[in-house]
Structure formats: C-alpha cells, structure tokens
Protein backbone atom coordinates (compact mmCIF):
# COMPACT_ATOMS: atom_id res chain seq x y z
CA MET A 1 -113.69 28.47 15.73
CA ILE A 2 -117.00 28.97 13.83
CA ASN A 3 -120.14 27.79 15.53
CA GLU A 4 -122.45 26.61 12.77
CA ARG A 5 -126.09 26.64 13.66
CA THR A 6 -128.87 24.74 12.00
CA PRO A 7 -132.15 26.59 11.56
CA PRO A 8 -135.05 25.26 13.60
CA ALA A 9 -137.46 22.98 11.80
CA ARG A 10 -140.50 24.78 10.45
CA ASN A 11 -144.00 23.56 11.00
CA THR A 12 -145.58 22.91 7.64
CA PRO A 13 -149.38 22.92 7.55
CA ALA A 14 -151.33 20.01 6.19
CA GLN A 15 -152.04 20.08 2.45
CA ASP A 16 -155.83 20.21 2.93
CA ALA A 17 -155.43 23.21 5.27
CA VAL A 18 -153.43 24.99 2.56
CA GLN A 19 -156.15 24.24 -0.02
CA ASP A 20 -158.85 25.58 2.33
CA PHE A 21 -156.82 28.76 2.88
CA VAL A 22 -156.35 29.29 -0.86
CA ALA A 23 -160.05 28.74 -1.56
CA GLY A 24 -161.03 31.17 1.19
CA ALA A 25 -158.59 33.82 -0.02
CA ALA A 26 -160.18 33.83 -3.46
CA ASP A 27 -163.62 34.44 -1.92
CA ALA A 28 -162.35 37.22 0.37
CA ASP A 29 -161.15 39.35 -2.58
CA VAL A 30 -164.66 39.74 -3.97
CA LYS A 31 -166.31 42.80 -2.43
CA VAL A 32 -169.71 44.19 -3.24
CA LYS A 33 -169.34 47.93 -3.74
CA ASP A 34 -172.00 50.04 -2.04
CA PRO A 35 -173.10 53.06 -4.11
CA ASN A 36 -174.27 54.77 -0.90
CA ALA A 37 -171.02 54.28 1.03
CA PRO A 38 -169.36 57.34 2.60
CA ARG A 39 -167.17 59.25 0.17
CA LYS A 40 -163.85 58.77 1.94
CA PHE A 41 -162.13 56.53 -0.62
CA LYS A 42 -160.37 58.96 -3.01
CA THR A 43 -160.42 62.66 -3.84
CA LEU A 44 -159.83 64.41 -7.12
CA THR A 45 -158.56 67.89 -7.95
CA LEU A 46 -159.81 68.89 -11.36
CA PRO A 47 -158.65 72.13 -13.02
CA PHE A 48 -161.11 73.97 -15.29
CA ASN A 49 -160.75 76.76 -17.78
CA GLU A 50 -163.14 79.74 -17.68
CA TYR A 51 -165.47 78.31 -20.35
CA GLU A 52 -165.80 74.93 -18.60
CA TRP A 53 -166.36 76.61 -15.23
CA GLY A 54 -169.17 78.70 -16.75
CA LEU A 55 -170.81 75.56 -18.14
CA LEU A 56 -170.51 73.87 -14.76
CA GLU A 57 -172.12 76.81 -12.95
CA GLU A 58 -174.88 76.98 -15.56
CA GLY A 59 -175.60 73.29 -15.09
CA CYS A 60 -175.62 73.69 -11.30
CA ASN A 61 -178.14 76.51 -11.53
CA ARG A 62 -180.32 74.66 -14.02
CA PHE A 63 -180.43 71.36 -12.13
CA ARG A 64 -180.12 72.87 -8.61
CA ARG A 65 -177.16 70.65 -7.77
CA SER A 66 -173.79 71.29 -6.17
CA LYS A 67 -170.76 71.25 -8.43
CA ASN A 68 -169.50 67.97 -6.95
CA GLY A 69 -172.97 66.44 -7.15
CA LEU A 70 -173.43 67.47 -10.77
CA ILE A 71 -170.01 66.13 -11.78
CA ARG A 72 -170.62 62.88 -9.88
CA GLU A 73 -174.07 62.40 -11.44
CA ALA A 74 -172.78 63.18 -14.94
CA LEU A 75 -169.90 60.74 -14.49
CA ILE A 76 -172.21 57.93 -13.41
CA GLU A 77 -174.61 58.68 -16.27
CA TYR A 78 -171.78 58.74 -18.81
CA VAL A 79 -170.14 55.52 -17.64
CA THR A 80 -173.31 53.46 -17.23
CA ARG A 81 -175.00 54.40 -20.52
CA PRO A 82 -175.08 51.67 -23.15
CA LEU A 83 -172.66 51.87 -26.07
CA ASP A 84 -174.14 52.72 -29.46
C-alpha cells in the first residue's frame, strides 16, 4: 500500500516584507568602485612580440615606471579620454 504524504505548509512572507526585500536588493547591487583598492580582483597574461616589448621597455625607462604600472596608466588614460 502506498503512503501518500502531503508536503508541509510553507510560510509565505507578508507582501510588504517582499516589497521591502526587493527594494533593498536593488540598492545592494550598486557598489562604488575604489580606484585605490588592492589589486586582487583579476590578473591578465598578455603576450608581446619583440617590437612591442622593446616599446614597453623604452616607455618604462623614459617614464621611470614598472611595466605593469605603465600599462595600467596607459589603459586608464586611453579609456577615460574624451571621444573626438
């Protein structure tokens, strides 16, 4: 003989509690990004050819920057410049 079971009744939250949760979830997704935060978010491996590597070393010597620092600064400059 099969013993049929009925699932227990679920507690449903009040409608205003659901609306408060939804409104709070939308606010929680907005984060202010800190430009001085530690650099532990992502890494990038970038292959170069000999010509590009020479240009990178020349730029590092000229501006007295590390290779990562020069690439990072150039990226920020390139992305934030206004469009012509």
